[in-house]
Amino acid sequence: MDPGENDEARVLDPEEYTQKRRLRDVFDARRRVAEWEREARNLRMQQGVNEQQERHYILSAVQSYLREIEPMMLETYPEIGEEYWKDVDLGSVEIPPPESLAPENAGSVHSEIISVEEAAEPQQASLAGIGSLLGRDVWVSAQFEARVMKRGGDGEVPEVGTNTVLLPRRIIMKAFRQANVFLSEVGLDLDPDDERPMNNLSWGE
């Protein structure tokens, strides 16, 4: 603890001091999202970091921010925070069927499948609640089933496959924005140390 923090602790009562420290940690984590997001873009452009690594970098920063804000949402302001944490819509991602179940790949020398009689449809994976981003990685998966004919088979049979896509950047950054909206709603959105405008962040895919 630096001398300035010692002076601050003497002026504030313990509960008020703890709340102020927690809020400072929240704002520190929020600033790091901006820093890590900018650095991830630079790494991808300058050093050839792939899309998966970039997405992981950004998700990790947002997850750190959400961990800091979680007690405030669920304990300090649960009447407001629980909706953001559990229910707010973050959007959806379309997951196409795996290539192994694609009709155009049936009959190839590398496939046991002669034909796809009933193709699997793309699936929509929806995410709700900013808390849903904690404890997850950058991949979204879905399982598919098609009706196929196989070499040496005796009629149609079900064939199951799984496909995985990257969690879109827009979903990660929407969770970040919703956390900021929560702070604004409870009157805690002003950070005197934050000089970088949040609207400079990239919200795209």
Protein backbone atom coordinates (compact mmCIF):
# COMPACT_ATOMS: atom_id res chain seq x y z
CA MET A 1 0.00 0.00 0.00
CA ASP A 2 1.50 3.39 -0.96
CA PRO A 3 1.46 6.41 1.43
CA GLY A 4 -1.47 7.96 -0.44
CA GLU A 5 -3.56 4.85 0.12
CA ASN A 6 -2.67 4.90 3.84
CA ASP A 7 -3.97 8.47 4.06
CA GLU A 8 -7.11 7.49 2.17
CA ALA A 9 -7.76 4.56 4.49
CA ARG A 10 -7.52 6.83 7.53
CA VAL A 11 -10.09 9.27 6.09
CA LEU A 12 -12.64 6.65 4.97
CA ASP A 13 -14.38 4.12 7.18
CA PRO A 14 -13.44 0.46 6.47
CA GLU A 15 -16.56 -0.36 4.44
CA GLU A 16 -16.28 2.78 2.32
CA TYR A 17 -12.58 2.19 1.77
CA THR A 18 -13.22 -1.43 0.68
CA GLN A 19 -15.88 -0.29 -1.78
CA LYS A 20 -13.58 2.35 -3.21
CA ARG A 21 -10.76 -0.18 -3.64
CA ARG A 22 -13.14 -2.61 -5.35
CA LEU A 23 -14.34 0.10 -7.73
CA ARG A 24 -10.74 1.04 -8.51
CA ASP A 25 -9.99 -2.61 -9.35
CA VAL A 26 -13.03 -2.66 -11.66
CA PHE A 27 -11.83 0.41 -13.53
CA ASP A 28 -8.28 -0.95 -13.76
CA ALA A 29 -9.66 -4.12 -15.36
CA ARG A 30 -11.81 -2.06 -17.73
CA ARG A 31 -8.79 -0.07 -18.90
CA ARG A 32 -6.90 -3.31 -19.51
CA VAL A 33 -9.61 -4.44 -21.94
CA ALA A 34 -8.87 -1.38 -24.09
CA GLU A 35 -5.13 -1.98 -23.83
CA TRP A 36 -5.30 -5.71 -24.58
CA GLU A 37 -7.75 -5.23 -27.44
CA ARG A 38 -5.43 -2.71 -29.06
CA GLU A 39 -2.40 -4.91 -28.48
CA ALA A 40 -4.18 -7.97 -29.91
CA ARG A 41 -4.94 -6.10 -33.12
CA ASN A 42 -1.34 -4.91 -33.39
CA LEU A 43 0.02 -8.41 -32.80
CA ARG A 44 -2.19 -9.82 -35.51
CA MET A 45 -1.19 -7.17 -38.04
CA GLN A 46 2.51 -6.99 -37.23
CA GLN A 47 3.50 -10.42 -35.94
CA GLY A 48 1.11 -12.78 -37.68
CA VAL A 49 -0.84 -13.83 -34.58
CA ASN A 50 -3.74 -15.93 -35.83
CA GLU A 51 -7.42 -15.21 -35.30
CA GLN A 52 -7.78 -17.79 -32.53
CA GLN A 53 -4.91 -16.30 -30.53
CA GLU A 54 -6.24 -12.78 -31.00
CA ARG A 55 -9.73 -13.83 -29.89
CA HIS A 56 -8.29 -15.61 -26.82
CA TYR A 57 -6.36 -12.47 -25.89
CA ILE A 58 -9.48 -10.29 -26.01
CA LEU A 59 -11.70 -12.83 -24.25
CA SER A 60 -9.18 -13.16 -21.40
CA ALA A 61 -9.18 -9.39 -20.87
CA VAL A 62 -12.99 -9.19 -20.81
CA GLN A 63 -13.20 -12.20 -18.48
CA SER A 64 -10.85 -10.45 -16.02
CA TYR A 65 -13.11 -7.39 -16.10
CA LEU A 66 -16.22 -9.51 -15.51
CA ARG A 67 -14.61 -11.26 -12.53
CA GLU A 68 -13.96 -7.86 -10.94
CA ILE A 69 -17.50 -6.64 -11.56
CA GLU A 70 -19.27 -9.88 -10.56
CA PRO A 71 -19.50 -9.13 -6.78
CA MET A 72 -20.91 -5.69 -7.54
CA MET A 73 -23.55 -7.15 -9.84
CA LEU A 74 -24.62 -10.12 -7.72
CA GLU A 75 -24.03 -8.86 -4.17
CA THR A 76 -24.05 -5.04 -4.09
CA TYR A 77 -26.73 -4.34 -6.72
CA PRO A 78 -28.42 -7.72 -7.37
CA GLU A 79 -31.80 -6.17 -8.20
CA ILE A 80 -30.16 -4.63 -11.28
CA GLY A 81 -27.07 -6.75 -11.80
CA GLU A 82 -28.65 -10.21 -11.98
CA GLU A 83 -30.41 -9.40 -15.25
CA TYR A 84 -27.13 -8.31 -16.83
CA TRP A 85 -25.26 -11.29 -15.41
CA LYS A 86 -27.79 -14.00 -16.28
CA ASP A 87 -30.24 -12.79 -18.91
CA VAL A 88 -29.05 -9.94 -21.13
CA ASP A 89 -28.90 -11.00 -24.79
CA LEU A 90 -25.38 -11.18 -26.20
CA GLY A 91 -26.39 -12.37 -29.66
CA SER A 92 -25.97 -15.62 -31.51
CA VAL A 93 -23.51 -17.36 -33.80
CA GLU A 94 -24.37 -19.60 -36.73
CA ILE A 95 -22.60 -22.95 -36.78
CA PRO A 96 -22.64 -24.78 -40.12
CA PRO A 97 -22.70 -28.59 -40.29
CA PRO A 98 -19.29 -30.27 -40.43
CA GLU A 99 -17.77 -30.84 -43.85
CA SER A 100 -18.08 -34.60 -43.33
CA LEU A 101 -21.89 -34.24 -43.52
CA ALA A 102 -21.93 -31.83 -46.47
CA PRO A 103 -23.81 -33.29 -49.48
CA GLU A 104 -21.14 -32.01 -51.89
CA ASN A 105 -18.50 -34.14 -50.16
CA ALA A 106 -20.49 -37.38 -50.37
CA GLY A 107 -19.10 -39.98 -52.71
CA SER A 108 -15.50 -38.78 -52.54
CA VAL A 109 -12.72 -41.35 -52.23
CA HIS A 110 -12.02 -40.08 -48.72
CA SER A 111 -15.57 -40.57 -47.43
CA GLU A 112 -17.53 -43.65 -46.43
CA ILE A 113 -20.69 -41.71 -47.20
CA ILE A 114 -22.10 -42.30 -50.67
CA SER A 115 -24.87 -39.74 -50.42
CA VAL A 116 -26.59 -37.46 -47.91
CA GLU A 117 -30.31 -38.18 -48.07
CA GLU A 118 -31.38 -35.70 -45.39
CA ALA A 119 -28.85 -32.94 -44.77
CA ALA A 120 -28.19 -31.38 -41.39
CA GLU A 121 -29.20 -27.72 -41.04
CA PRO A 122 -27.00 -24.93 -39.64
CA GLN A 123 -27.59 -24.23 -35.96
CA GLN A 124 -27.82 -20.98 -34.05
CA ALA A 125 -26.03 -20.89 -30.70
CA SER A 126 -27.38 -18.07 -28.53
CA LEU A 127 -25.58 -16.61 -25.53
CA ALA A 128 -27.37 -14.83 -22.70
CA GLY A 129 -25.93 -13.13 -19.63
CA ILE A 130 -22.45 -11.65 -19.44
CA GLY A 131 -21.62 -14.27 -16.82
CA SER A 132 -21.86 -16.91 -19.56
CA LEU A 133 -18.46 -15.78 -20.86
CA LEU A 134 -16.69 -16.87 -17.68
CA GLY A 135 -15.22 -20.35 -17.63
CA ARG A 136 -15.38 -20.81 -21.39
CA ASP A 137 -12.86 -20.75 -24.22
CA VAL A 138 -13.07 -19.10 -27.62
CA TRP A 139 -14.88 -21.99 -29.33
CA VAL A 140 -18.60 -22.64 -29.81
CA SER A 141 -19.67 -26.18 -30.77
CA ALA A 142 -22.81 -27.92 -31.95
CA GLN A 143 -23.72 -31.51 -32.79
CA PHE A 144 -25.45 -32.41 -36.03
CA GLU A 145 -27.24 -35.43 -37.42
CA ALA A 146 -27.87 -36.30 -41.06
CA ARG A 147 -29.41 -39.30 -42.83
CA VAL A 148 -26.86 -40.86 -45.15
CA MET A 149 -26.10 -43.85 -47.34
CA LYS A 150 -22.76 -45.56 -46.67
CA ARG A 151 -20.54 -47.80 -48.75
CA GLY A 152 -21.50 -51.41 -48.17
CA GLY A 153 -24.45 -50.28 -46.09
CA ASP A 154 -28.04 -51.43 -46.21
CA GLY A 155 -30.18 -48.31 -46.52
CA GLU A 156 -30.22 -44.94 -44.79
CA VAL A 157 -28.51 -44.58 -41.44
CA PRO A 158 -28.06 -41.64 -39.07
CA GLU A 159 -24.63 -40.03 -39.05
CA VAL A 160 -23.59 -37.67 -36.27
CA GLY A 161 -20.90 -35.02 -36.49
CA THR A 162 -19.69 -31.99 -34.55
CA ASN A 163 -18.53 -28.62 -35.80
CA THR A 164 -16.83 -25.79 -33.96
CA VAL A 165 -16.48 -22.08 -34.75
CA LEU A 166 -14.75 -19.17 -33.05
CA LEU A 167 -16.78 -17.11 -30.60
CA PRO A 168 -17.40 -13.84 -32.50
CA ARG A 169 -15.63 -10.72 -31.30
CA ARG A 170 -18.96 -8.87 -31.37
CA ILE A 171 -20.34 -11.16 -28.64
CA ILE A 172 -17.29 -10.72 -26.42
CA MET A 173 -17.36 -6.95 -26.80
CA LYS A 174 -21.12 -6.77 -26.28
CA ALA A 175 -20.59 -8.39 -22.87
CA PHE A 176 -17.99 -5.70 -22.17
CA ARG A 177 -20.37 -2.93 -23.24
CA GLN A 178 -23.22 -4.36 -21.14
CA ALA A 179 -20.96 -4.38 -18.08
CA ASN A 180 -20.27 -0.69 -18.73
CA VAL A 181 -24.01 -0.01 -19.11
CA PHE A 182 -24.57 -1.65 -15.73
CA LEU A 183 -22.01 0.67 -14.11
CA SER A 184 -23.77 3.63 -15.70
CA GLU A 185 -27.17 2.45 -14.48
CA VAL A 186 -26.00 2.24 -10.87
CA GLY A 187 -24.19 5.59 -11.14
CA LEU A 188 -20.63 4.26 -11.03
CA ASP A 189 -19.49 4.81 -14.61
CA LEU A 190 -17.18 7.79 -14.07
CA ASP A 191 -13.53 6.89 -13.60
CA PRO A 192 -11.39 10.01 -13.11
CA ASP A 193 -8.25 8.09 -14.12
CA ASP A 194 -9.70 6.81 -17.41
CA GLU A 195 -8.57 9.08 -20.24
CA ARG A 196 -9.07 6.68 -23.16
CA PRO A 197 -12.56 6.85 -24.73
CA MET A 198 -14.23 3.47 -24.90
CA ASN A 199 -15.72 4.27 -28.33
CA ASN A 200 -12.27 3.72 -29.87
CA LEU A 201 -12.56 -0.01 -29.33
CA SER A 202 -13.23 -2.38 -32.21
CA TRP A 203 -16.62 -4.09 -31.91
CA GLY A 204 -16.57 -6.19 -35.11
CA GLU A 205 -16.46 -9.89 -35.79
